Amino acid sequence: MKLVPKRLKAGDTIGIVAPASPPDQESLTRSFAFLESMGLKWKIGKHVKDLNGYLAGTDDDRLSDLEEMFADPEIAGIICAGGGYGSARFADRLDYQLIQENPKVFWGFSDITFLHTAIANYTDLVTFHGPMLASCVGKETFHELSAKMFRQLFEPMELHYSEAISPLETLSAGVVSGELTGGNLSLLASGIGTKFEVNTKDKLLLIEDVGEEPYRVDNLLNQLRLAGKFSDAAGIVIGDFAKAEPKKETSLTLDEVLRHYTADLGKPVVSGFKIGHCEPHFAIPFGTKARLDADQKTLTILPGVE
C-alpha cells in the first residue's frame, strides 16, 4: 500500500536540507521569496551552511538534519537545497522506520535520486522529483512552468505532459501504465548490486542526467541493461540529458546511444521530456501510477499528495 503524503497548505513550515554538496548560499536565500509567495514558512537544517570538501558537512550531520526534519511534527514537508554528491554515503544508516511513521512531502532530484530509491524500497512513501531551492529556484533562469509545478503539493492534481510543453520523440510505440520510478541515470547505476537498487518491475522508468558524454551515457545504460532494469520495466520515459556533447570528433550521438538501448525493447519509450537539469523542469511524483502513450506522445501521472 502506497504511503501518500498529506498536501501542504498556506502557513505550513517546510524543512530545508542539504543531503549532498554545499548549496550556493546566495541562491538559497533568493529562493525564500518563492517559498513566501506560496504561503510557506521554512526552517533550515542545522548543517545546511557547513562545508566539508565537496560535501555539505559530515555524513553524520547531513543524516541528522534529514532525520530531524522527518521527526519534527512542525515540519509539513522537506525540500532539498541542492544536489551534487553525497546522499548515498549515509543511505544505509537512514532511519526508514522514522520516515514510514512520519510520512511527509520530500522533494529534490539529481543526487537525491539515491534517497528517492532508498525511501521507495523501504517505506513505500511517494516522493517528488523536482527543482531544488539553491540550484534552481533561486536562479534567474527559474522558469514559470517550473514554479507552477509546486502547486501539485497543495492539491491533488493529475499531471499531463504533451508536446504543448516540449517536442517529444517516440523511440518505441505502444501504451502502458505503471508506477513511476527512476531519476538520475548515474545514481541509478551506482545503486545496482546494493540494497538500494531501483526496482523497475512493471514500472515506468524515468532516466535523466547532466554533463555525461554519449560514451558515458552508453556505459550507464549498459549497466542498467545488464542488470535487467530495461527488460523488467513496462516503459521508459527519457528526460533531459543536458551538457551531453561529445568532446571527441569521433563519437556516437546521444540519440544513437539512447536508441541502441531502448528502441528494440518492444515497449513504449518516449524521449524529450523536460524533466531533469533543465528549464522548465516538469516536477513529478515517484510511486504513483502513470500512463505513457508513445503513440500520442503523452504522459499522464496521478496525484502525489492526498
C-alpha atoms as a PDB file:
ATOM      1  CA  MET A   1       0.000   0.000   0.000  1.00  0.00           C
ATOM      2  CA  LYS A   2       1.476   3.352  -1.055  1.00  0.00           C
ATOM      3  CA  LEU A   3       2.151   5.959   1.609  1.00  0.00           C
ATOM      4  CA  VAL A   4       0.841   9.237   0.188  1.00  0.00           C
ATOM      5  CA  PRO A   5       1.970  12.403   1.995  1.00  0.00           C
ATOM      6  CA  LYS A   6      -0.535  14.985   3.170  1.00  0.00           C
ATOM      7  CA  ARG A   7      -0.848  18.053   0.971  1.00  0.00           C
ATOM      8  CA  LEU A   8       0.790  21.310   2.025  1.00  0.00           C
ATOM      9  CA  LYS A   9      -1.291  24.329   2.952  1.00  0.00           C
ATOM     10  CA  ALA A  10      -0.583  28.023   3.400  1.00  0.00           C
ATOM     11  CA  GLY A  11       1.086  28.637   6.745  1.00  0.00           C
ATOM     12  CA  ASP A  12       2.907  25.299   6.762  1.00  0.00           C
ATOM     13  CA  THR A  13       6.626  25.115   7.572  1.00  0.00           C
ATOM     14  CA  ILE A  14       8.942  23.216   5.258  1.00  0.00           C
ATOM     15  CA  GLY A  15      12.340  21.900   6.242  1.00  0.00           C
ATOM     16  CA  ILE A  16      15.351  22.732   4.086  1.00  0.00           C
ATOM     17  CA  VAL A  17      18.173  20.183   3.966  1.00  0.00           C
ATOM     18  CA  ALA A  18      21.400  19.683   2.006  1.00  0.00           C
ATOM     19  CA  PRO A  19      21.969  15.910   1.879  1.00  0.00           C
ATOM     20  CA  ALA A  20      24.786  16.125  -0.663  1.00  0.00           C
ATOM     21  CA  SER A  21      27.045  19.029  -1.727  1.00  0.00           C
ATOM     22  CA  PRO A  22      27.175  22.558  -0.264  1.00  0.00           C
ATOM     23  CA  PRO A  23      24.415  24.709  -1.794  1.00  0.00           C
ATOM     24  CA  ASP A  24      25.109  28.221  -3.045  1.00  0.00           C
ATOM     25  CA  GLN A  25      24.004  30.284  -0.045  1.00  0.00           C
ATOM     26  CA  GLU A  26      23.101  33.423  -2.023  1.00  0.00           C
ATOM     27  CA  SER A  27      20.904  31.435  -4.386  1.00  0.00           C
ATOM     28  CA  LEU A  28      19.328  29.625  -1.441  1.00  0.00           C
ATOM     29  CA  THR A  29      18.498  32.947   0.215  1.00  0.00           C
ATOM     30  CA  ARG A  30      16.932  34.234  -3.028  1.00  0.00           C
ATOM     31  CA  SER A  31      14.665  31.162  -3.116  1.00  0.00           C
ATOM     32  CA  PHE A  32      12.974  32.166   0.138  1.00  0.00           C
ATOM     33  CA  ALA A  33      10.872  34.786  -1.662  1.00  0.00           C
ATOM     34  CA  PHE A  34       9.363  31.987  -3.748  1.00  0.00           C
ATOM     35  CA  LEU A  35       8.522  29.970  -0.642  1.00  0.00           C
ATOM     36  CA  GLU A  36       6.927  33.073   0.836  1.00  0.00           C
ATOM     37  CA  SER A  37       4.851  33.573  -2.331  1.00  0.00           C
ATOM     38  CA  MET A  38       3.396  30.092  -1.763  1.00  0.00           C
ATOM     39  CA  GLY A  39       2.471  30.993   1.803  1.00  0.00           C
ATOM     40  CA  LEU A  40       5.130  28.745   3.316  1.00  0.00           C
ATOM     41  CA  LYS A  41       7.426  29.247   6.275  1.00  0.00           C
ATOM     42  CA  TRP A  42      10.763  27.463   6.420  1.00  0.00           C
ATOM     43  CA  LYS A  43      13.259  26.010   8.823  1.00  0.00           C
ATOM     44  CA  ILE A  44      16.851  25.474   7.722  1.00  0.00           C
ATOM     45  CA  GLY A  45      18.705  22.359   8.781  1.00  0.00           C
ATOM     46  CA  LYS A  46      21.481  22.992  11.286  1.00  0.00           C
ATOM     47  CA  HIS A  47      24.203  21.966   8.827  1.00  0.00           C
ATOM     48  CA  VAL A  48      22.999  23.434   5.521  1.00  0.00           C
ATOM     49  CA  LYS A  49      25.785  26.043   5.664  1.00  0.00           C
ATOM     50  CA  ASP A  50      28.512  23.547   6.589  1.00  0.00           C
ATOM     51  CA  LEU A  51      31.467  22.855   4.303  1.00  0.00           C
ATOM     52  CA  ASN A  52      33.323  19.563   4.223  1.00  0.00           C
ATOM     53  CA  GLY A  53      35.191  19.489   0.908  1.00  0.00           C
ATOM     54  CA  TYR A  54      32.592  18.615  -1.729  1.00  0.00           C
ATOM     55  CA  LEU A  55      30.077  17.725   0.995  1.00  0.00           C
ATOM     56  CA  ALA A  56      27.677  19.913   2.973  1.00  0.00           C
ATOM     57  CA  GLY A  57      29.109  18.860   6.320  1.00  0.00           C
ATOM     58  CA  THR A  58      29.889  15.406   7.655  1.00  0.00           C
ATOM     59  CA  ASP A  59      27.800  12.356   6.795  1.00  0.00           C
ATOM     60  CA  ASP A  60      26.524  12.254  10.379  1.00  0.00           C
ATOM     61  CA  ASP A  61      25.450  15.886  10.250  1.00  0.00           C
ATOM     62  CA  ARG A  62      23.674  15.635   6.888  1.00  0.00           C
ATOM     63  CA  LEU A  63      21.941  12.470   8.075  1.00  0.00           C
ATOM     64  CA  SER A  64      20.824  14.077  11.342  1.00  0.00           C
ATOM     65  CA  ASP A  65      19.432  17.132   9.512  1.00  0.00           C
ATOM     66  CA  LEU A  66      17.276  14.890   7.314  1.00  0.00           C
ATOM     67  CA  GLU A  67      16.070  12.690  10.162  1.00  0.00           C
ATOM     68  CA  GLU A  68      15.298  15.702  12.369  1.00  0.00           C
ATOM     69  CA  MET A  69      13.090  17.173   9.647  1.00  0.00           C
ATOM     70  CA  PHE A  70      11.132  13.936   9.303  1.00  0.00           C
ATOM     71  CA  ALA A  71      10.814  13.628  13.090  1.00  0.00           C
ATOM     72  CA  ASP A  72       9.756  17.270  13.686  1.00  0.00           C
ATOM     73  CA  PRO A  73       5.921  17.438  13.869  1.00  0.00           C
ATOM     74  CA  GLU A  74       6.031  21.137  12.925  1.00  0.00           C
ATOM     75  CA  ILE A  75       7.615  20.335   9.549  1.00  0.00           C
ATOM     76  CA  ALA A  76       4.981  19.570   6.888  1.00  0.00           C
ATOM     77  CA  GLY A  77       7.394  18.837   4.043  1.00  0.00           C
ATOM     78  CA  ILE A  78      11.069  18.724   3.147  1.00  0.00           C
ATOM     79  CA  ILE A  79      12.673  20.424   0.138  1.00  0.00           C
ATOM     80  CA  CYS A  80      16.330  19.864  -0.702  1.00  0.00           C
ATOM     81  CA  ALA A  81      18.535  22.899  -1.218  1.00  0.00           C
ATOM     82  CA  GLY A  82      20.603  21.167  -3.900  1.00  0.00           C
ATOM     83  CA  GLY A  83      22.262  18.001  -5.109  1.00  0.00           C
ATOM     84  CA  GLY A  84      25.838  17.397  -6.213  1.00  0.00           C
ATOM     85  CA  TYR A  85      27.212  14.326  -4.456  1.00  0.00           C
ATOM     86  CA  GLY A  86      26.919  12.586  -1.121  1.00  0.00           C
ATOM     87  CA  SER A  87      23.387  11.319  -0.395  1.00  0.00           C
ATOM     88  CA  ALA A  88      24.374   7.677  -0.872  1.00  0.00           C
ATOM     89  CA  ARG A  89      27.092   7.936   1.791  1.00  0.00           C
ATOM     90  CA  PHE A  90      24.539   7.717   4.618  1.00  0.00           C
ATOM     91  CA  ALA A  91      21.663   5.850   2.910  1.00  0.00           C
ATOM     92  CA  ASP A  92      22.485   2.641   4.797  1.00  0.00           C
ATOM     93  CA  ARG A  93      22.126   4.445   8.149  1.00  0.00           C
ATOM     94  CA  LEU A  94      18.945   6.387   7.446  1.00  0.00           C
ATOM     95  CA  ASP A  95      16.072   5.527   9.825  1.00  0.00           C
ATOM     96  CA  TYR A  96      13.439   4.307   7.355  1.00  0.00           C
ATOM     97  CA  GLN A  97      11.021   3.386  10.121  1.00  0.00           C
ATOM     98  CA  LEU A  98      11.111   7.023  11.243  1.00  0.00           C
ATOM     99  CA  ILE A  99      10.196   8.085   7.686  1.00  0.00           C
ATOM    100  CA  GLN A 100       7.429   5.477   7.480  1.00  0.00           C
ATOM    101  CA  GLU A 101       5.938   6.667  10.761  1.00  0.00           C
ATOM    102  CA  ASN A 102       6.212  10.357   9.764  1.00  0.00           C
ATOM    103  CA  PRO A 103       5.306  10.459   6.058  1.00  0.00           C
ATOM    104  CA  LYS A 104       5.567  13.920   4.540  1.00  0.00           C
ATOM    105  CA  VAL A 105       6.464  15.626   1.274  1.00  0.00           C
ATOM    106  CA  PHE A 106      10.077  15.000   0.259  1.00  0.00           C
ATOM    107  CA  TRP A 107      11.252  16.937  -2.821  1.00  0.00           C
ATOM    108  CA  GLY A 108      14.530  17.016  -4.784  1.00  0.00           C
ATOM    109  CA  PHE A 109      16.361  15.488  -7.753  1.00  0.00           C
ATOM    110  CA  SER A 110      19.826  14.776  -9.180  1.00  0.00           C
ATOM    111  CA  ASP A 111      21.934  13.222  -6.372  1.00  0.00           C
ATOM    112  CA  ILE A 112      18.718  12.996  -4.323  1.00  0.00           C
ATOM    113  CA  THR A 113      17.724  10.159  -6.692  1.00  0.00           C
ATOM    114  CA  PHE A 114      19.587   7.771  -4.375  1.00  0.00           C
ATOM    115  CA  LEU A 115      17.308   8.802  -1.496  1.00  0.00           C
ATOM    116  CA  HIS A 116      14.163   8.552  -3.650  1.00  0.00           C
ATOM    117  CA  THR A 117      15.070   4.956  -4.498  1.00  0.00           C
ATOM    118  CA  ALA A 118      16.064   4.073  -0.926  1.00  0.00           C
ATOM    119  CA  ILE A 119      12.883   5.563   0.540  1.00  0.00           C
ATOM    120  CA  ALA A 120      10.770   3.767  -2.084  1.00  0.00           C
ATOM    121  CA  ASN A 121      12.435   0.436  -1.312  1.00  0.00           C
ATOM    122  CA  TYR A 122      11.993   0.663   2.457  1.00  0.00           C
ATOM    123  CA  THR A 123       8.912   2.807   3.139  1.00  0.00           C
ATOM    124  CA  ASP A 124       6.705   2.955   0.004  1.00  0.00           C
ATOM    125  CA  LEU A 125       6.399   6.736   0.524  1.00  0.00           C
ATOM    126  CA  VAL A 126       5.561   8.770  -2.579  1.00  0.00           C
ATOM    127  CA  THR A 127       8.359  11.327  -3.096  1.00  0.00           C
ATOM    128  CA  PHE A 128       8.868  14.137  -5.603  1.00  0.00           C
ATOM    129  CA  HIS A 129      11.471  14.625  -8.333  1.00  0.00           C
ATOM    130  CA  GLY A 130      11.548  18.391  -8.785  1.00  0.00           C
ATOM    131  CA  PRO A 131      13.632  21.597  -8.893  1.00  0.00           C
ATOM    132  CA  MET A 132      15.580  22.423  -5.746  1.00  0.00           C
ATOM    133  CA  LEU A 133      15.925  25.725  -3.909  1.00  0.00           C
ATOM    134  CA  ALA A 134      19.552  26.832  -4.370  1.00  0.00           C
ATOM    135  CA  SER A 135      20.295  25.021  -7.619  1.00  0.00           C
ATOM    136  CA  CYS A 136      17.069  26.003  -9.418  1.00  0.00           C
ATOM    137  CA  VAL A 137      14.507  28.188  -7.613  1.00  0.00           C
ATOM    138  CA  GLY A 138      16.965  30.900  -6.539  1.00  0.00           C
ATOM    139  CA  LYS A 139      18.429  31.373 -10.011  1.00  0.00           C
ATOM    140  CA  GLU A 140      17.388  33.925 -12.640  1.00  0.00           C
ATOM    141  CA  THR A 141      16.769  31.068 -15.107  1.00  0.00           C
ATOM    142  CA  PHE A 142      13.968  29.601 -12.932  1.00  0.00           C
ATOM    143  CA  HIS A 143      11.065  29.094 -15.332  1.00  0.00           C
ATOM    144  CA  GLU A 144       7.396  29.962 -14.772  1.00  0.00           C
ATOM    145  CA  LEU A 145       6.340  26.369 -15.516  1.00  0.00           C
ATOM    146  CA  SER A 146       8.895  25.042 -13.021  1.00  0.00           C
ATOM    147  CA  ALA A 147       7.322  27.319 -10.408  1.00  0.00           C
ATOM    148  CA  LYS A 148       3.798  26.142 -11.267  1.00  0.00           C
ATOM    149  CA  MET A 149       4.823  22.516 -10.697  1.00  0.00           C
ATOM    150  CA  PHE A 150       4.954  23.162  -6.935  1.00  0.00           C
ATOM    151  CA  ARG A 151       1.159  23.551  -6.968  1.00  0.00           C
ATOM    152  CA  GLN A 152       0.849  19.758  -7.005  1.00  0.00           C
ATOM    153  CA  LEU A 153       1.954  19.830  -3.359  1.00  0.00           C
ATOM    154  CA  PHE A 154      -1.062  21.909  -2.316  1.00  0.00           C
ATOM    155  CA  GLU A 155      -3.857  19.996  -4.020  1.00  0.00           C
ATOM    156  CA  PRO A 156      -4.107  16.528  -5.537  1.00  0.00           C
ATOM    157  CA  MET A 157      -3.810  17.067  -9.282  1.00  0.00           C
ATOM    158  CA  GLU A 158      -3.331  14.829 -12.268  1.00  0.00           C
ATOM    159  CA  LEU A 159      -0.319  15.902 -14.309  1.00  0.00           C
ATOM    160  CA  HIS A 160      -0.412  15.904 -18.100  1.00  0.00           C
ATOM    161  CA  TYR A 161       2.664  16.180 -20.313  1.00  0.00           C
ATOM    162  CA  SER A 162       2.282  16.597 -24.077  1.00  0.00           C
ATOM    163  CA  GLU A 163       4.091  18.268 -26.959  1.00  0.00           C
ATOM    164  CA  ALA A 164       2.489  21.528 -25.836  1.00  0.00           C
ATOM    165  CA  ILE A 165       5.383  21.618 -23.342  1.00  0.00           C
ATOM    166  CA  SER A 166       8.267  20.360 -25.499  1.00  0.00           C
ATOM    167  CA  PRO A 167       8.861  18.325 -28.684  1.00  0.00           C
ATOM    168  CA  LEU A 168       8.755  14.598 -27.932  1.00  0.00           C
ATOM    169  CA  GLU A 169      10.051  11.639 -29.913  1.00  0.00           C
ATOM    170  CA  THR A 170       8.692   8.104 -29.896  1.00  0.00           C
ATOM    171  CA  LEU A 171      11.569   5.608 -29.890  1.00  0.00           C
ATOM    172  CA  SER A 172       9.266   2.617 -29.414  1.00  0.00           C
ATOM    173  CA  ALA A 173       5.480   2.642 -29.826  1.00  0.00           C
ATOM    174  CA  GLY A 174       2.696   1.477 -27.534  1.00  0.00           C
ATOM    175  CA  VAL A 175       0.645   2.458 -24.497  1.00  0.00           C
ATOM    176  CA  VAL A 176       1.349   1.294 -20.962  1.00  0.00           C
ATOM    177  CA  SER A 177       0.531   2.138 -17.348  1.00  0.00           C
ATOM    178  CA  GLY A 178       2.666   1.587 -14.283  1.00  0.00           C
ATOM    179  CA  GLU A 179       4.140   3.145 -11.196  1.00  0.00           C
ATOM    180  CA  LEU A 180       6.677   5.871 -11.942  1.00  0.00           C
ATOM    181  CA  THR A 181      10.243   5.453 -10.668  1.00  0.00           C
ATOM    182  CA  GLY A 182      13.824   6.362 -11.601  1.00  0.00           C
ATOM    183  CA  GLY A 183      15.665   9.667 -11.750  1.00  0.00           C
ATOM    184  CA  ASN A 184      19.296  10.476 -12.398  1.00  0.00           C
ATOM    185  CA  LEU A 185      20.921   7.763 -14.507  1.00  0.00           C
ATOM    186  CA  SER A 186      24.325   7.950 -12.793  1.00  0.00           C
ATOM    187  CA  LEU A 187      22.749   7.441  -9.371  1.00  0.00           C
ATOM    188  CA  LEU A 188      20.509   4.630 -10.580  1.00  0.00           C
ATOM    189  CA  ALA A 189      23.565   2.843 -11.973  1.00  0.00           C
ATOM    190  CA  SER A 190      25.524   3.355  -8.741  1.00  0.00           C
ATOM    191  CA  GLY A 191      22.762   1.605  -6.788  1.00  0.00           C
ATOM    192  CA  ILE A 192      22.989  -1.607  -8.828  1.00  0.00           C
ATOM    193  CA  GLY A 193      24.183  -4.508  -6.683  1.00  0.00           C
ATOM    194  CA  THR A 194      23.251  -2.770  -3.423  1.00  0.00           C
ATOM    195  CA  LYS A 195      20.122  -2.976  -1.293  1.00  0.00           C
ATOM    196  CA  PHE A 196      19.185   0.402  -2.776  1.00  0.00           C
ATOM    197  CA  GLU A 197      18.898  -0.964  -6.305  1.00  0.00           C
ATOM    198  CA  VAL A 198      15.991   0.539  -8.240  1.00  0.00           C
ATOM    199  CA  ASN A 199      13.022  -1.787  -8.722  1.00  0.00           C
ATOM    200  CA  THR A 200      11.690  -1.384 -12.281  1.00  0.00           C
ATOM    201  CA  LYS A 201       9.422  -4.456 -12.398  1.00  0.00           C
ATOM    202  CA  ASP A 202       6.291  -3.441 -14.367  1.00  0.00           C
ATOM    203  CA  LYS A 203       7.114   0.228 -13.740  1.00  0.00           C
ATOM    204  CA  LEU A 204       7.693   3.286 -15.904  1.00  0.00           C
ATOM    205  CA  LEU A 205      11.379   4.153 -15.607  1.00  0.00           C
ATOM    206  CA  LEU A 206      12.466   7.794 -15.860  1.00  0.00           C
ATOM    207  CA  ILE A 207      16.096   8.474 -16.773  1.00  0.00           C
ATOM    208  CA  GLU A 208      17.891  11.844 -16.986  1.00  0.00           C
ATOM    209  CA  ASP A 209      21.407  13.142 -16.465  1.00  0.00           C
ATOM    210  CA  VAL A 210      23.751  16.094 -16.852  1.00  0.00           C
ATOM    211  CA  GLY A 211      27.325  16.531 -18.046  1.00  0.00           C
ATOM    212  CA  GLU A 212      27.725  12.972 -19.316  1.00  0.00           C
ATOM    213  CA  GLU A 213      29.152  12.437 -22.809  1.00  0.00           C
ATOM    214  CA  PRO A 214      27.489   9.838 -25.073  1.00  0.00           C
ATOM    215  CA  TYR A 215      30.090   7.160 -24.252  1.00  0.00           C
ATOM    216  CA  ARG A 216      29.410   7.688 -20.533  1.00  0.00           C
ATOM    217  CA  VAL A 217      25.641   7.533 -21.047  1.00  0.00           C
ATOM    218  CA  ASP A 218      26.285   4.343 -23.059  1.00  0.00           C
ATOM    219  CA  ASN A 219      28.196   2.853 -20.132  1.00  0.00           C
ATOM    220  CA  LEU A 220      25.459   3.735 -17.634  1.00  0.00           C
ATOM    221  CA  LEU A 221      22.646   2.444 -19.855  1.00  0.00           C
ATOM    222  CA  ASN A 222      24.548  -0.792 -20.435  1.00  0.00           C
ATOM    223  CA  GLN A 223      24.856  -1.230 -16.672  1.00  0.00           C
ATOM    224  CA  LEU A 224      21.070  -0.967 -16.322  1.00  0.00           C
ATOM    225  CA  ARG A 225      20.551  -3.287 -19.303  1.00  0.00           C
ATOM    226  CA  LEU A 226      22.845  -5.983 -17.890  1.00  0.00           C
ATOM    227  CA  ALA A 227      21.066  -5.683 -14.523  1.00  0.00           C
ATOM    228  CA  GLY A 228      17.720  -6.393 -16.242  1.00  0.00           C
ATOM    229  CA  LYS A 229      16.256  -2.988 -15.448  1.00  0.00           C
ATOM    230  CA  PHE A 230      15.064  -2.326 -19.020  1.00  0.00           C
ATOM    231  CA  SER A 231      13.659  -5.804 -19.570  1.00  0.00           C
ATOM    232  CA  ASP A 232      11.763  -5.535 -16.257  1.00  0.00           C
ATOM    233  CA  ALA A 233      10.338  -2.075 -16.974  1.00  0.00           C
ATOM    234  CA  ALA A 234       6.909  -1.535 -18.503  1.00  0.00           C
ATOM    235  CA  GLY A 235       8.096   1.536 -20.418  1.00  0.00           C
ATOM    236  CA  ILE A 236      10.776   4.201 -20.405  1.00  0.00           C
ATOM    237  CA  VAL A 237      10.453   7.968 -20.007  1.00  0.00           C
ATOM    238  CA  ILE A 238      13.601   9.725 -21.231  1.00  0.00           C
ATOM    239  CA  GLY A 239      14.093  13.096 -19.600  1.00  0.00           C
ATOM    240  CA  ASP A 240      16.651  15.793 -20.271  1.00  0.00           C
ATOM    241  CA  PHE A 241      20.317  14.985 -20.891  1.00  0.00           C
ATOM    242  CA  ALA A 242      21.956  18.392 -20.502  1.00  0.00           C
ATOM    243  CA  LYS A 243      25.565  19.140 -21.490  1.00  0.00           C
ATOM    244  CA  ALA A 244      25.950  15.763 -23.193  1.00  0.00           C
ATOM    245  CA  GLU A 245      28.015  16.909 -26.170  1.00  0.00           C
ATOM    246  CA  PRO A 246      30.965  14.633 -27.013  1.00  0.00           C
ATOM    247  CA  LYS A 247      34.437  16.087 -26.544  1.00  0.00           C
ATOM    248  CA  LYS A 248      35.923  13.954 -29.321  1.00  0.00           C
ATOM    249  CA  GLU A 249      35.081  14.310 -33.009  1.00  0.00           C
ATOM    250  CA  THR A 250      34.532  10.569 -33.403  1.00  0.00           C
ATOM    251  CA  SER A 251      31.540   9.741 -31.256  1.00  0.00           C
ATOM    252  CA  LEU A 252      28.090   8.268 -31.435  1.00  0.00           C
ATOM    253  CA  THR A 253      25.412  10.888 -30.853  1.00  0.00           C
ATOM    254  CA  LEU A 254      23.380  10.842 -27.671  1.00  0.00           C
ATOM    255  CA  ASP A 255      20.299   9.968 -29.747  1.00  0.00           C
ATOM    256  CA  GLU A 256      22.093   6.989 -31.295  1.00  0.00           C
ATOM    257  CA  VAL A 257      23.063   5.728 -27.855  1.00  0.00           C
ATOM    258  CA  LEU A 258      19.541   6.106 -26.455  1.00  0.00           C
ATOM    259  CA  ARG A 259      18.046   4.340 -29.467  1.00  0.00           C
ATOM    260  CA  HIS A 260      20.543   1.473 -29.239  1.00  0.00           C
ATOM    261  CA  TYR A 261      19.378   0.594 -25.730  1.00  0.00           C
ATOM    262  CA  THR A 262      15.657   1.371 -25.907  1.00  0.00           C
ATOM    263  CA  ALA A 263      14.245   1.294 -29.457  1.00  0.00           C
ATOM    264  CA  ASP A 264      14.082  -2.513 -29.738  1.00  0.00           C
ATOM    265  CA  LEU A 265      12.706  -3.285 -26.284  1.00  0.00           C
ATOM    266  CA  GLY A 266       9.190  -3.823 -27.627  1.00  0.00           C
ATOM    267  CA  LYS A 267       7.708  -1.487 -25.022  1.00  0.00           C
ATOM    268  CA  PRO A 268       6.779   2.219 -25.066  1.00  0.00           C
ATOM    269  CA  VAL A 269       9.748   4.617 -24.998  1.00  0.00           C
ATOM    270  CA  VAL A 270       9.466   8.390 -25.452  1.00  0.00           C
ATOM    271  CA  SER A 271      12.284  10.957 -25.248  1.00  0.00           C
ATOM    272  CA  GLY A 272      12.384  14.737 -24.978  1.00  0.00           C
ATOM    273  CA  PHE A 273      10.687  15.299 -21.612  1.00  0.00           C
ATOM    274  CA  LYS A 274      11.829  18.462 -19.828  1.00  0.00           C
ATOM    275  CA  ILE A 275      12.461  16.550 -16.631  1.00  0.00           C
ATOM    276  CA  GLY A 276      15.898  16.946 -15.071  1.00  0.00           C
ATOM    277  CA  HIS A 277      18.691  19.513 -15.203  1.00  0.00           C
ATOM    278  CA  CYS A 278      16.745  21.891 -17.445  1.00  0.00           C
ATOM    279  CA  GLU A 279      14.360  24.822 -17.511  1.00  0.00           C
ATOM    280  CA  PRO A 280      11.492  24.402 -17.460  1.00  0.00           C
ATOM    281  CA  HIS A 281      11.714  21.405 -15.157  1.00  0.00           C
ATOM    282  CA  PHE A 282       8.479  19.383 -15.051  1.00  0.00           C
ATOM    283  CA  ALA A 283       8.295  18.031 -11.499  1.00  0.00           C
ATOM    284  CA  ILE A 284       6.769  14.587 -10.940  1.00  0.00           C
ATOM    285  CA  PRO A 285       5.857  12.268  -8.071  1.00  0.00           C
ATOM    286  CA  PHE A 286       7.586   8.884  -7.793  1.00  0.00           C
ATOM    287  CA  GLY A 287       5.453   5.979  -6.628  1.00  0.00           C
ATOM    288  CA  THR A 288       2.140   6.999  -8.185  1.00  0.00           C
ATOM    289  CA  LYS A 289       0.574   5.399 -11.251  1.00  0.00           C
ATOM    290  CA  ALA A 290       1.295   6.948 -14.646  1.00  0.00           C
ATOM    291  CA  ARG A 291       0.285   6.242 -18.241  1.00  0.00           C
ATOM    292  CA  LEU A 292       2.753   6.610 -21.103  1.00  0.00           C
ATOM    293  CA  ASP A 293       1.166   6.807 -24.553  1.00  0.00           C
ATOM    294  CA  ALA A 294       4.039   6.601 -27.010  1.00  0.00           C
ATOM    295  CA  ASP A 295       1.624   6.759 -29.961  1.00  0.00           C
ATOM    296  CA  GLN A 296       0.041  10.068 -28.920  1.00  0.00           C
ATOM    297  CA  LYS A 297       3.246  11.183 -27.138  1.00  0.00           C
ATOM    298  CA  THR A 298       1.664  11.936 -23.776  1.00  0.00           C
ATOM    299  CA  LEU A 299       2.455  11.152 -20.139  1.00  0.00           C
ATOM    300  CA  THR A 300      -0.301  11.290 -17.518  1.00  0.00           C
ATOM    301  CA  ILE A 301       0.554  10.999 -13.821  1.00  0.00           C
ATOM    302  CA  LEU A 302      -1.806  10.560 -10.850  1.00  0.00           C
ATOM    303  CA  PRO A 303      -1.548  12.920  -7.831  1.00  0.00           C
ATOM    304  CA  GLY A 304       1.267  12.558  -5.298  1.00  0.00           C
ATOM    305  CA  VAL A 305      -0.499  14.062  -2.259  1.00  0.00           C
ATOM    306  CA  GLU A 306      -3.810  13.449  -0.524  1.00  0.00           C
END
